[in-house]
Amino acid sequence: MKAIVVVIDENNGIGKDGGLLCHLPNDLKHFKQITTGHTIIMGRKTYESLPKGALPNRINIVITSADTKMFPGCIVVRSVEEALSVSENHEKVFIIGGGELYRSTLHLADTLYLTRIHNTFEDADTFFPKIDFEDWVVREEDKHKADDKHLYPYTFLTYSRK
């Protein structure tokens, strides 16, 4: 399985100033639940946005042309093709960002784990590519209202490619 994991707002915004659009604790738990024990592929900027570097209990693959010593605990590759080659025998591979990596791999994914924030962030500067929902079927949908820990309502959606 090759899956994409992403949090997007109503305009497909995914980030601003190198970080997430907002803090959703339940989304972080959801992300951890689905990716733990599996392989994650990310770009350099996504790696740099992680507060403690490589994520524990996962095989971390970083695509970059930078010095490999800058990514402790990670497998460093130079291209999407190399990342997919390194992970070809892994049961589940999750592409976790950022924007450039999503654009170059959306067509390869068979599963899409999408957290939709029901808000528009006008200052978003990084976007997920347009999704042709004719190619996907909703497998799971879990709606959540805003609460004291989540400023915005959001929905966990799992799509499978038709």
Protein backbone atom coordinates (compact mmCIF):
# COMPACT_ATOMS: atom_id res chain seq x y z
CA MET A 1 0.00 0.00 0.00
CA LYS A 2 1.19 3.48 -0.90
CA ALA A 3 -0.75 6.10 1.01
CA ILE A 4 -0.70 9.85 1.35
CA VAL A 5 -1.39 11.41 4.74
CA VAL A 6 -2.33 15.09 4.73
CA VAL A 7 -4.24 17.77 6.64
CA ILE A 8 -5.91 20.31 4.35
CA ASP A 9 -8.19 23.27 4.75
CA GLU A 10 -11.20 24.05 2.54
CA ASN A 11 -8.88 25.54 -0.13
CA ASN A 12 -6.37 22.63 -0.04
CA GLY A 13 -3.98 24.70 2.08
CA ILE A 14 -1.54 22.53 4.02
CA GLY A 15 0.94 24.91 5.58
CA LYS A 16 2.28 28.34 6.29
CA ASP A 17 5.80 29.53 7.05
CA GLY A 18 7.14 25.95 7.08
CA GLY A 19 4.63 24.68 9.63
CA LEU A 20 1.10 23.36 9.92
CA LEU A 21 -1.94 25.61 9.55
CA CYS A 22 -3.11 24.95 13.11
CA HIS A 23 -2.71 22.55 16.01
CA LEU A 24 -5.11 19.57 16.01
CA PRO A 25 -4.08 17.18 18.81
CA ASN A 26 -6.48 14.47 17.63
CA ASP A 27 -4.98 14.59 14.16
CA LEU A 28 -1.50 14.05 15.60
CA LYS A 29 -2.84 10.99 17.46
CA HIS A 30 -4.53 9.77 14.27
CA PHE A 31 -1.30 10.22 12.31
CA LYS A 32 0.67 8.31 14.92
CA GLN A 33 -1.90 5.51 15.00
CA ILE A 34 -1.88 4.88 11.24
CA THR A 35 1.86 5.33 10.59
CA THR A 36 3.52 3.66 13.60
CA GLY A 37 5.33 0.49 12.63
CA HIS A 38 5.45 1.47 8.96
CA THR A 39 7.54 3.49 6.52
CA ILE A 40 7.14 7.25 6.07
CA ILE A 41 8.57 9.25 3.17
CA MET A 42 9.05 12.99 3.47
CA GLY A 43 10.88 15.88 1.90
CA ARG A 44 13.63 17.84 3.61
CA LYS A 45 11.39 20.73 4.68
CA THR A 46 8.91 18.34 6.30
CA TYR A 47 11.75 16.65 8.19
CA GLU A 48 13.00 20.06 9.36
CA SER A 49 9.51 20.92 10.64
CA LEU A 50 9.50 17.89 12.98
CA PRO A 51 10.24 19.09 16.53
CA LYS A 52 12.45 16.12 17.49
CA GLY A 53 13.71 14.86 14.12
CA ALA A 54 13.02 11.31 12.94
CA LEU A 55 9.70 9.95 14.14
CA PRO A 56 10.03 6.96 16.49
CA ASN A 57 8.84 3.45 15.65
CA ARG A 58 8.81 4.14 11.91
CA ILE A 59 11.26 3.82 9.06
CA ASN A 60 11.94 7.45 8.14
CA ILE A 61 12.98 8.17 4.54
CA VAL A 62 13.95 11.72 3.62
CA ILE A 63 14.28 12.88 0.01
CA THR A 64 16.96 15.57 -0.24
CA SER A 65 20.16 16.62 -1.93
CA ALA A 66 21.56 17.87 1.41
CA ASP A 67 24.30 16.17 3.44
CA THR A 68 23.06 12.84 4.81
CA LYS A 69 24.55 13.57 8.26
CA MET A 70 21.86 16.22 8.75
CA PHE A 71 19.17 13.54 9.09
CA PRO A 72 20.02 11.20 11.99
CA GLY A 73 17.81 8.14 12.24
CA CYS A 74 16.69 8.44 8.62
CA ILE A 75 17.38 6.75 5.33
CA VAL A 76 18.39 9.56 2.97
CA VAL A 77 17.63 9.28 -0.74
CA ARG A 78 17.91 11.66 -3.67
CA SER A 79 14.60 11.08 -5.51
CA VAL A 80 11.05 9.79 -5.26
CA GLU A 81 12.09 6.85 -7.40
CA GLU A 82 14.88 5.94 -4.99
CA ALA A 83 12.54 6.30 -1.98
CA LEU A 84 10.03 3.96 -3.60
CA SER A 85 12.77 1.51 -4.53
CA VAL A 86 14.11 1.43 -0.96
CA SER A 87 10.59 0.83 0.38
CA GLU A 88 9.23 -1.46 -2.36
CA ASN A 89 9.07 -4.53 -0.06
CA HIS A 90 7.52 -2.62 2.86
CA GLU A 91 3.87 -3.50 3.54
CA LYS A 92 2.67 0.08 4.08
CA VAL A 93 4.37 3.25 2.89
CA PHE A 94 3.05 6.66 3.88
CA ILE A 95 3.97 9.86 2.04
CA ILE A 96 3.73 12.63 4.63
CA GLY A 97 4.73 15.79 2.74
CA GLY A 98 5.42 18.41 1.82
CA GLY A 99 3.74 20.14 -1.06
CA GLU A 100 6.28 19.28 -3.76
CA LEU A 101 6.35 15.62 -2.74
CA TYR A 102 2.55 15.43 -2.72
CA ARG A 103 2.42 16.89 -6.26
CA SER A 104 4.90 14.34 -7.56
CA THR A 105 3.31 11.29 -5.87
CA LEU A 106 -0.46 11.78 -5.74
CA HIS A 107 -0.86 9.71 -8.92
CA LEU A 108 1.04 6.80 -7.28
CA ALA A 109 -1.08 6.54 -4.13
CA ASP A 110 -3.80 3.93 -3.69
CA THR A 111 -5.00 5.30 -0.33
CA LEU A 112 -5.51 8.85 0.87
CA TYR A 113 -5.77 9.68 4.59
CA LEU A 114 -7.13 13.20 4.53
CA THR A 115 -7.96 15.35 7.53
CA ARG A 116 -10.19 18.15 6.29
CA ILE A 117 -10.16 21.27 8.47
CA HIS A 118 -13.48 23.01 7.97
CA ASN A 119 -11.93 26.45 7.75
CA THR A 120 -10.02 28.52 5.22
CA PHE A 121 -6.62 29.89 6.25
CA GLU A 122 -6.05 33.02 4.19
CA ASP A 123 -2.34 33.05 5.04
CA ALA A 124 -1.66 29.47 3.82
CA ASP A 125 1.36 29.45 1.51
CA THR A 126 1.64 25.73 0.69
CA PHE A 127 -1.10 23.73 -1.00
CA PHE A 128 -2.06 20.15 -1.76
CA PRO A 129 -2.67 19.45 -5.46
CA LYS A 130 -6.24 19.38 -6.75
CA ILE A 131 -7.84 16.02 -6.04
CA ASP A 132 -10.05 14.50 -8.72
CA PHE A 133 -12.59 12.86 -6.42
CA GLU A 134 -13.98 10.90 -9.39
CA ASP A 135 -10.88 8.70 -8.95
CA TRP A 136 -11.52 8.00 -5.26
CA VAL A 137 -14.16 6.39 -3.06
CA VAL A 138 -14.69 7.27 0.63
CA ARG A 139 -13.96 4.25 2.81
CA GLU A 140 -14.23 5.95 6.21
CA GLU A 141 -15.50 9.30 7.45
CA ASP A 142 -15.30 10.55 11.04
CA LYS A 143 -16.58 14.09 11.75
CA HIS A 144 -15.52 16.16 14.76
CA LYS A 145 -16.78 19.47 16.10
CA ALA A 146 -14.57 22.24 17.40
CA ASP A 147 -13.86 21.93 21.12
CA ASP A 148 -11.55 23.34 23.80
CA LYS A 149 -8.50 21.65 22.19
CA HIS A 150 -9.51 22.05 18.53
CA LEU A 151 -10.39 25.55 17.32
CA TYR A 152 -11.97 24.28 14.09
CA PRO A 153 -14.27 21.41 13.15
CA TYR A 154 -12.54 18.71 11.12
CA THR A 155 -13.20 15.36 9.47
CA PHE A 156 -10.96 12.31 9.13
CA LEU A 157 -11.50 10.83 5.66
CA THR A 158 -9.99 7.68 4.20
CA TYR A 159 -10.20 7.29 0.44
CA SER A 160 -9.31 4.33 -1.76
CA ARG A 161 -8.49 4.73 -5.42
CA LYS A 162 -11.24 3.35 -7.67
